[in-house]
Amino acid sequence: MLVIAGGIDYALRPPSRVQLLEATSGTVLEDTTLADVGVFAVALDPNRPLVYVGLSVHDAPGDPAFPAILILDRSTFAPVGRLDVPRDVPDCTFDCYKGVIALSDANGIYVAWGFNAINGTRVYHFSYPD
C-alpha cells in the first residue's frame, strides 16, 4: 500500500487530495479530495486499517494554522475521527505544509513542522485513537 497527498501549488490553493494506491501496480484503491483544509502529510497505521492525514486547520479565515490529524478507514476512506491540538500550543505560522507525520508504537502520533530557522522546528503529539 502507498498513500499520497497532493494538489495544486500551495501558493494558489492548499493541496487537498489523498490517494491510496496498490504499491506494486499503481492501481488507485481510494481517492478523495478534502474541502477547506490543506493536507500536508499522510501515514498508514502499521497495525490497524487506518490512514492518518495531516491537516492544516484555521478556526476562522485569517487565524493562525494548527495541525490536526484526520483519521480515515483504509478500506472505505470514510472519516472515523479527528485529532486536534489544544489552541494554547504554538501555531504553524505559515500553515503546516512542511509538516511530516511520524508514528510511534508506544507513544502515539507526532507531527514535526519547521518553516525556517527563525521559527525553529515544532513537534506536536497526538494520542492514538481508541
N, C-alpha and C. Protein backbone atom coordinates (compact mmCIF):
# COMPACT_ATOMS: atom_id res chain seq x y z
N MET A 1 0.83 -1.17 0.00
CA MET A 1 0.00 0.00 0.00
C MET A 1 0.88 1.25 0.00
N LEU A 2 0.41 2.25 -0.67
CA LEU A 2 1.07 3.55 -0.73
C LEU A 2 -0.02 4.60 -0.62
N VAL A 3 0.20 5.58 0.22
CA VAL A 3 -0.76 6.67 0.35
C VAL A 3 -0.02 7.97 0.04
N ILE A 4 -0.64 8.82 -0.76
CA ILE A 4 -0.01 10.09 -1.15
C ILE A 4 -1.00 11.24 -0.97
N ALA A 5 -0.43 12.41 -0.76
CA ALA A 5 -1.23 13.63 -0.64
C ALA A 5 -0.68 14.64 -1.62
N GLY A 6 -1.55 15.44 -2.18
CA GLY A 6 -1.09 16.44 -3.12
C GLY A 6 -2.20 17.34 -3.56
N GLY A 7 -1.90 18.14 -4.55
CA GLY A 7 -2.88 19.06 -5.08
C GLY A 7 -2.20 20.15 -5.88
N ILE A 8 -2.87 21.26 -5.98
CA ILE A 8 -2.34 22.41 -6.72
C ILE A 8 -1.23 23.05 -5.90
N ASP A 9 -0.41 23.85 -6.53
CA ASP A 9 0.65 24.59 -5.86
C ASP A 9 0.13 25.28 -4.62
N TYR A 10 0.86 25.19 -3.51
CA TYR A 10 0.40 25.75 -2.25
C TYR A 10 0.14 27.25 -2.32
N ALA A 11 0.85 27.96 -3.19
CA ALA A 11 0.63 29.41 -3.31
C ALA A 11 -0.73 29.71 -3.94
N LEU A 12 -1.23 28.81 -4.76
CA LEU A 12 -2.52 29.01 -5.42
C LEU A 12 -3.68 28.49 -4.58
N ARG A 13 -3.50 27.32 -4.02
CA ARG A 13 -4.52 26.69 -3.20
C ARG A 13 -3.88 25.53 -2.46
N PRO A 14 -4.19 25.34 -1.19
CA PRO A 14 -3.59 24.24 -0.46
C PRO A 14 -3.90 22.89 -1.08
N PRO A 15 -2.93 21.97 -1.05
CA PRO A 15 -3.19 20.63 -1.55
C PRO A 15 -4.23 19.95 -0.67
N SER A 16 -5.15 19.23 -1.29
CA SER A 16 -6.23 18.65 -0.52
C SER A 16 -6.64 17.25 -0.98
N ARG A 17 -5.88 16.66 -1.88
CA ARG A 17 -6.22 15.35 -2.43
C ARG A 17 -5.41 14.27 -1.73
N VAL A 18 -6.07 13.15 -1.44
CA VAL A 18 -5.42 12.00 -0.81
C VAL A 18 -5.79 10.76 -1.62
N GLN A 19 -4.77 9.96 -1.96
CA GLN A 19 -5.00 8.73 -2.72
C GLN A 19 -4.32 7.56 -2.02
N LEU A 20 -4.98 6.41 -2.06
CA LEU A 20 -4.42 5.15 -1.59
C LEU A 20 -4.22 4.29 -2.82
N LEU A 21 -2.99 3.80 -2.99
CA LEU A 21 -2.66 3.01 -4.18
C LEU A 21 -2.06 1.67 -3.80
N GLU A 22 -2.23 0.71 -4.69
CA GLU A 22 -1.52 -0.55 -4.57
C GLU A 22 -0.10 -0.26 -5.05
N ALA A 23 0.87 -0.44 -4.19
CA ALA A 23 2.25 0.00 -4.48
C ALA A 23 2.85 -0.74 -5.67
N THR A 24 2.56 -2.02 -5.83
CA THR A 24 3.20 -2.78 -6.91
C THR A 24 2.64 -2.48 -8.29
N SER A 25 1.34 -2.14 -8.36
CA SER A 25 0.72 -1.93 -9.67
C SER A 25 0.38 -0.47 -9.95
N GLY A 26 0.28 0.36 -8.91
CA GLY A 26 -0.14 1.74 -9.09
C GLY A 26 -1.65 1.90 -9.19
N THR A 27 -2.38 0.81 -9.00
CA THR A 27 -3.84 0.87 -9.05
C THR A 27 -4.36 1.74 -7.91
N VAL A 28 -5.23 2.68 -8.26
CA VAL A 28 -5.83 3.56 -7.25
C VAL A 28 -6.94 2.79 -6.55
N LEU A 29 -6.80 2.63 -5.23
CA LEU A 29 -7.79 1.91 -4.44
C LEU A 29 -8.83 2.86 -3.85
N GLU A 30 -8.39 4.02 -3.42
CA GLU A 30 -9.28 5.05 -2.87
C GLU A 30 -8.75 6.41 -3.29
N ASP A 31 -9.64 7.37 -3.42
CA ASP A 31 -9.26 8.72 -3.86
C ASP A 31 -10.28 9.70 -3.29
N THR A 32 -9.81 10.73 -2.63
CA THR A 32 -10.73 11.71 -2.08
C THR A 32 -10.10 13.10 -2.11
N THR A 33 -10.93 14.09 -2.15
CA THR A 33 -10.50 15.48 -2.02
C THR A 33 -11.20 16.07 -0.81
N LEU A 34 -10.44 16.69 0.06
CA LEU A 34 -10.98 17.27 1.29
C LEU A 34 -11.20 18.76 1.08
N ALA A 35 -12.34 19.24 1.47
CA ALA A 35 -12.69 20.66 1.27
C ALA A 35 -12.23 21.51 2.44
N ASP A 36 -11.78 22.71 2.14
CA ASP A 36 -11.49 23.75 3.13
C ASP A 36 -10.37 23.44 4.10
N VAL A 37 -9.48 22.53 3.75
CA VAL A 37 -8.30 22.26 4.57
C VAL A 37 -7.10 22.05 3.66
N GLY A 38 -5.92 22.25 4.20
CA GLY A 38 -4.70 21.91 3.49
C GLY A 38 -4.17 20.59 4.03
N VAL A 39 -3.83 19.67 3.15
CA VAL A 39 -3.27 18.38 3.54
C VAL A 39 -1.75 18.50 3.43
N PHE A 40 -1.04 18.18 4.51
CA PHE A 40 0.42 18.31 4.45
C PHE A 40 1.17 17.00 4.56
N ALA A 41 0.55 15.94 5.02
CA ALA A 41 1.27 14.66 5.17
C ALA A 41 0.25 13.54 5.35
N VAL A 42 0.70 12.31 5.09
CA VAL A 42 -0.14 11.14 5.29
C VAL A 42 0.72 10.01 5.85
N ALA A 43 0.08 9.09 6.56
CA ALA A 43 0.77 7.93 7.10
C ALA A 43 -0.21 6.77 7.23
N LEU A 44 0.27 5.57 6.99
CA LEU A 44 -0.53 4.37 7.16
C LEU A 44 -0.25 3.77 8.53
N ASP A 45 -1.30 3.44 9.27
CA ASP A 45 -1.13 2.76 10.54
C ASP A 45 -0.65 1.34 10.24
N PRO A 46 0.48 0.92 10.83
CA PRO A 46 1.00 -0.41 10.53
C PRO A 46 0.23 -1.54 11.21
N ASN A 47 -0.60 -1.22 12.21
CA ASN A 47 -1.28 -2.26 12.97
C ASN A 47 -2.80 -2.29 12.79
N ARG A 48 -3.36 -1.21 12.29
CA ARG A 48 -4.80 -1.12 12.11
C ARG A 48 -5.10 -0.58 10.72
N PRO A 49 -6.28 -0.85 10.19
CA PRO A 49 -6.60 -0.38 8.83
C PRO A 49 -7.01 1.10 8.81
N LEU A 50 -6.07 1.96 9.21
CA LEU A 50 -6.33 3.40 9.29
C LEU A 50 -5.30 4.18 8.49
N VAL A 51 -5.74 5.33 7.99
CA VAL A 51 -4.86 6.29 7.32
C VAL A 51 -4.92 7.58 8.13
N TYR A 52 -3.75 8.12 8.46
CA TYR A 52 -3.69 9.40 9.18
C TYR A 52 -3.34 10.49 8.17
N VAL A 53 -4.15 11.52 8.14
CA VAL A 53 -3.97 12.62 7.19
C VAL A 53 -3.71 13.89 7.99
N GLY A 54 -2.54 14.49 7.78
CA GLY A 54 -2.21 15.74 8.47
C GLY A 54 -2.92 16.91 7.81
N LEU A 55 -3.64 17.67 8.60
CA LEU A 55 -4.39 18.82 8.11
C LEU A 55 -3.85 20.11 8.69
N SER A 56 -3.86 21.14 7.91
CA SER A 56 -3.56 22.49 8.37
C SER A 56 -4.91 23.18 8.52
N VAL A 57 -5.31 23.45 9.77
CA VAL A 57 -6.66 23.97 10.01
C VAL A 57 -6.61 25.37 10.63
N HIS A 58 -7.60 26.15 10.30
CA HIS A 58 -7.78 27.50 10.84
C HIS A 58 -9.14 27.55 11.52
N ASP A 59 -9.21 28.16 12.69
CA ASP A 59 -10.51 28.30 13.36
C ASP A 59 -11.42 29.26 12.61
N ALA A 60 -10.82 30.27 11.99
CA ALA A 60 -11.56 31.24 11.17
C ALA A 60 -10.60 31.77 10.12
N PRO A 61 -11.09 32.29 9.00
CA PRO A 61 -10.20 32.84 7.97
C PRO A 61 -9.29 33.92 8.59
N GLY A 62 -8.01 33.81 8.28
CA GLY A 62 -7.03 34.76 8.79
C GLY A 62 -6.43 34.37 10.13
N ASP A 63 -7.03 33.39 10.83
CA ASP A 63 -6.47 32.91 12.09
C ASP A 63 -5.22 32.06 11.83
N PRO A 64 -4.37 31.88 12.84
CA PRO A 64 -3.21 31.00 12.68
C PRO A 64 -3.63 29.57 12.36
N ALA A 65 -2.73 28.83 11.74
CA ALA A 65 -2.99 27.43 11.42
C ALA A 65 -2.45 26.53 12.53
N PHE A 66 -3.17 25.45 12.77
CA PHE A 66 -2.74 24.43 13.71
C PHE A 66 -2.83 23.08 13.02
N PRO A 67 -1.97 22.13 13.40
CA PRO A 67 -2.09 20.81 12.81
C PRO A 67 -3.23 20.02 13.43
N ALA A 68 -3.83 19.19 12.62
CA ALA A 68 -4.84 18.23 13.08
C ALA A 68 -4.59 16.95 12.29
N ILE A 69 -5.12 15.85 12.79
CA ILE A 69 -4.99 14.57 12.11
C ILE A 69 -6.39 14.05 11.83
N LEU A 70 -6.71 13.89 10.55
CA LEU A 70 -7.95 13.26 10.14
C LEU A 70 -7.67 11.77 10.03
N ILE A 71 -8.54 10.96 10.62
CA ILE A 71 -8.37 9.50 10.59
C ILE A 71 -9.38 8.92 9.61
N LEU A 72 -8.87 8.21 8.60
CA LEU A 72 -9.72 7.59 7.59
C LEU A 72 -9.65 6.08 7.72
N ASP A 73 -10.79 5.41 7.48
CA ASP A 73 -10.81 3.96 7.37
C ASP A 73 -10.13 3.61 6.05
N ARG A 74 -9.15 2.74 6.11
CA ARG A 74 -8.36 2.44 4.90
C ARG A 74 -9.19 1.77 3.82
N SER A 75 -10.18 0.97 4.18
CA SER A 75 -10.93 0.24 3.16
C SER A 75 -12.01 1.07 2.48
N THR A 76 -12.50 2.12 3.14
CA THR A 76 -13.58 2.93 2.56
C THR A 76 -13.21 4.40 2.39
N PHE A 77 -12.14 4.84 3.05
CA PHE A 77 -11.72 6.24 3.10
C PHE A 77 -12.75 7.10 3.82
N ALA A 78 -13.66 6.49 4.56
CA ALA A 78 -14.62 7.24 5.35
C ALA A 78 -13.92 7.79 6.59
N PRO A 79 -14.20 9.05 6.95
CA PRO A 79 -13.61 9.59 8.18
C PRO A 79 -14.14 8.84 9.40
N VAL A 80 -13.22 8.49 10.31
CA VAL A 80 -13.62 7.81 11.54
C VAL A 80 -13.24 8.62 12.78
N GLY A 81 -12.57 9.74 12.58
CA GLY A 81 -12.21 10.58 13.71
C GLY A 81 -11.27 11.70 13.30
N ARG A 82 -11.04 12.60 14.25
CA ARG A 82 -10.10 13.69 14.02
C ARG A 82 -9.45 14.04 15.36
N LEU A 83 -8.16 14.28 15.30
CA LEU A 83 -7.39 14.65 16.48
C LEU A 83 -6.92 16.09 16.29
N ASP A 84 -7.16 16.92 17.30
CA ASP A 84 -6.76 18.33 17.24
C ASP A 84 -5.83 18.65 18.41
N VAL A 85 -4.94 19.60 18.21
CA VAL A 85 -4.09 20.07 19.30
C VAL A 85 -4.83 21.15 20.06
N PRO A 86 -4.50 21.34 21.35
CA PRO A 86 -5.09 22.47 22.07
C PRO A 86 -4.60 23.78 21.47
N ARG A 87 -5.40 24.82 21.57
CA ARG A 87 -5.05 26.09 20.95
C ARG A 87 -4.05 26.91 21.77
N ASP A 88 -3.58 26.37 22.89
CA ASP A 88 -2.57 27.09 23.66
C ASP A 88 -1.15 26.67 23.30
N VAL A 89 -1.00 25.82 22.28
CA VAL A 89 0.33 25.45 21.79
C VAL A 89 0.72 26.39 20.66
N PRO A 90 2.01 26.50 20.32
CA PRO A 90 2.41 27.37 19.20
C PRO A 90 1.77 26.91 17.88
N ASP A 91 1.38 27.87 17.07
CA ASP A 91 0.78 27.55 15.78
C ASP A 91 1.86 27.27 14.74
N CYS A 92 1.42 26.97 13.52
CA CYS A 92 2.35 26.66 12.43
C CYS A 92 2.84 27.90 11.69
N THR A 93 2.40 29.07 12.05
CA THR A 93 2.81 30.35 11.49
C THR A 93 2.38 30.54 10.04
N PHE A 94 2.90 29.75 9.13
CA PHE A 94 2.57 29.88 7.69
C PHE A 94 1.93 28.60 7.19
N ASP A 95 0.84 28.17 7.81
CA ASP A 95 0.23 26.87 7.55
C ASP A 95 1.22 25.77 7.92
N CYS A 96 0.78 24.55 7.83
CA CYS A 96 1.59 23.43 8.30
C CYS A 96 2.15 22.63 7.13
N TYR A 97 2.29 23.26 5.97
CA TYR A 97 2.55 22.50 4.74
C TYR A 97 3.92 21.84 4.65
N LYS A 98 4.82 22.11 5.55
CA LYS A 98 6.09 21.40 5.53
C LYS A 98 6.16 20.36 6.64
N GLY A 99 5.01 19.97 7.16
CA GLY A 99 4.96 19.02 8.26
C GLY A 99 5.11 17.58 7.79
N VAL A 100 5.52 16.74 8.72
CA VAL A 100 5.60 15.30 8.48
C VAL A 100 4.92 14.59 9.65
N ILE A 101 4.43 13.39 9.40
CA ILE A 101 3.82 12.57 10.43
C ILE A 101 4.75 11.41 10.73
N ALA A 102 5.01 11.17 12.01
CA ALA A 102 5.79 10.02 12.45
C ALA A 102 4.95 9.23 13.44
N LEU A 103 4.92 7.91 13.25
CA LEU A 103 4.15 7.05 14.13
C LEU A 103 5.09 6.32 15.08
N SER A 104 4.71 6.21 16.34
CA SER A 104 5.48 5.51 17.34
C SER A 104 4.62 4.42 17.95
N ASP A 105 5.16 3.21 18.08
CA ASP A 105 4.37 2.12 18.65
C ASP A 105 3.86 2.45 20.05
N ALA A 106 4.70 3.03 20.86
CA ALA A 106 4.36 3.23 22.27
C ALA A 106 3.77 4.61 22.56
N ASN A 107 4.24 5.62 21.88
CA ASN A 107 3.94 6.97 22.32
C ASN A 107 2.92 7.73 21.49
N GLY A 108 2.46 7.19 20.40
CA GLY A 108 1.44 7.88 19.63
C GLY A 108 1.93 8.45 18.31
N ILE A 109 1.26 9.50 17.88
CA ILE A 109 1.48 10.12 16.58
C ILE A 109 2.15 11.47 16.81
N TYR A 110 3.16 11.75 16.02
CA TYR A 110 3.86 13.03 16.11
C TYR A 110 3.77 13.76 14.78
N VAL A 111 3.61 15.06 14.86
CA VAL A 111 3.73 15.92 13.69
C VAL A 111 4.92 16.83 13.96
N ALA A 112 5.89 16.79 13.06
CA ALA A 112 7.04 17.70 13.16
C ALA A 112 6.89 18.73 12.06
N TRP A 113 7.03 19.98 12.42
CA TRP A 113 6.85 21.08 11.47
C TRP A 113 7.95 22.10 11.67
N GLY A 114 8.54 22.54 10.57
CA GLY A 114 9.54 23.59 10.63
C GLY A 114 9.51 24.39 9.34
N PHE A 115 9.34 25.70 9.46
CA PHE A 115 9.28 26.53 8.26
C PHE A 115 10.63 27.12 7.93
N ASN A 116 11.31 27.66 8.94
CA ASN A 116 12.63 28.25 8.71
C ASN A 116 13.38 28.32 10.04
N ALA A 117 14.60 28.79 9.99
CA ALA A 117 15.43 28.83 11.19
C ALA A 117 14.87 29.79 12.24
N ILE A 118 14.16 30.81 11.83
CA ILE A 118 13.61 31.78 12.78
C ILE A 118 12.55 31.13 13.65
N ASN A 119 11.65 30.38 13.04
CA ASN A 119 10.56 29.74 13.78
C ASN A 119 10.99 28.44 14.44
N GLY A 120 12.07 27.84 13.95
CA GLY A 120 12.52 26.56 14.51
C GLY A 120 11.59 25.42 14.15
N THR A 121 11.87 24.27 14.70
CA THR A 121 11.05 23.09 14.48
C THR A 121 10.13 22.90 15.67
N ARG A 122 8.90 22.61 15.39
CA ARG A 122 7.91 22.35 16.43
C ARG A 122 7.43 20.91 16.29
N VAL A 123 7.22 20.27 17.42
CA VAL A 123 6.74 18.89 17.40
C VAL A 123 5.44 18.84 18.21
N TYR A 124 4.42 18.28 17.60
CA TYR A 124 3.11 18.15 18.21
C TYR A 124 2.84 16.67 18.45
N HIS A 125 2.26 16.33 19.59
CA HIS A 125 1.98 14.94 19.95
C HIS A 125 0.47 14.69 19.97
N PHE A 126 0.07 13.57 19.41
CA PHE A 126 -1.32 13.14 19.42
C PHE A 126 -1.36 11.71 19.97
N SER A 127 -2.35 11.39 20.78
CA SER A 127 -2.52 10.03 21.25
C SER A 127 -3.29 9.22 20.20
N TYR A 128 -2.96 7.95 20.11
CA TYR A 128 -3.70 7.08 19.19
C TYR A 128 -5.16 7.03 19.59
N PRO A 129 -6.07 6.95 18.62
CA PRO A 129 -7.49 6.80 18.96
C PRO A 129 -7.75 5.42 19.56
N ASP A 130 -8.79 5.32 20.34
CA ASP A 130 -9.14 4.02 20.95
C ASP A 130 -9.70 3.08 19.93
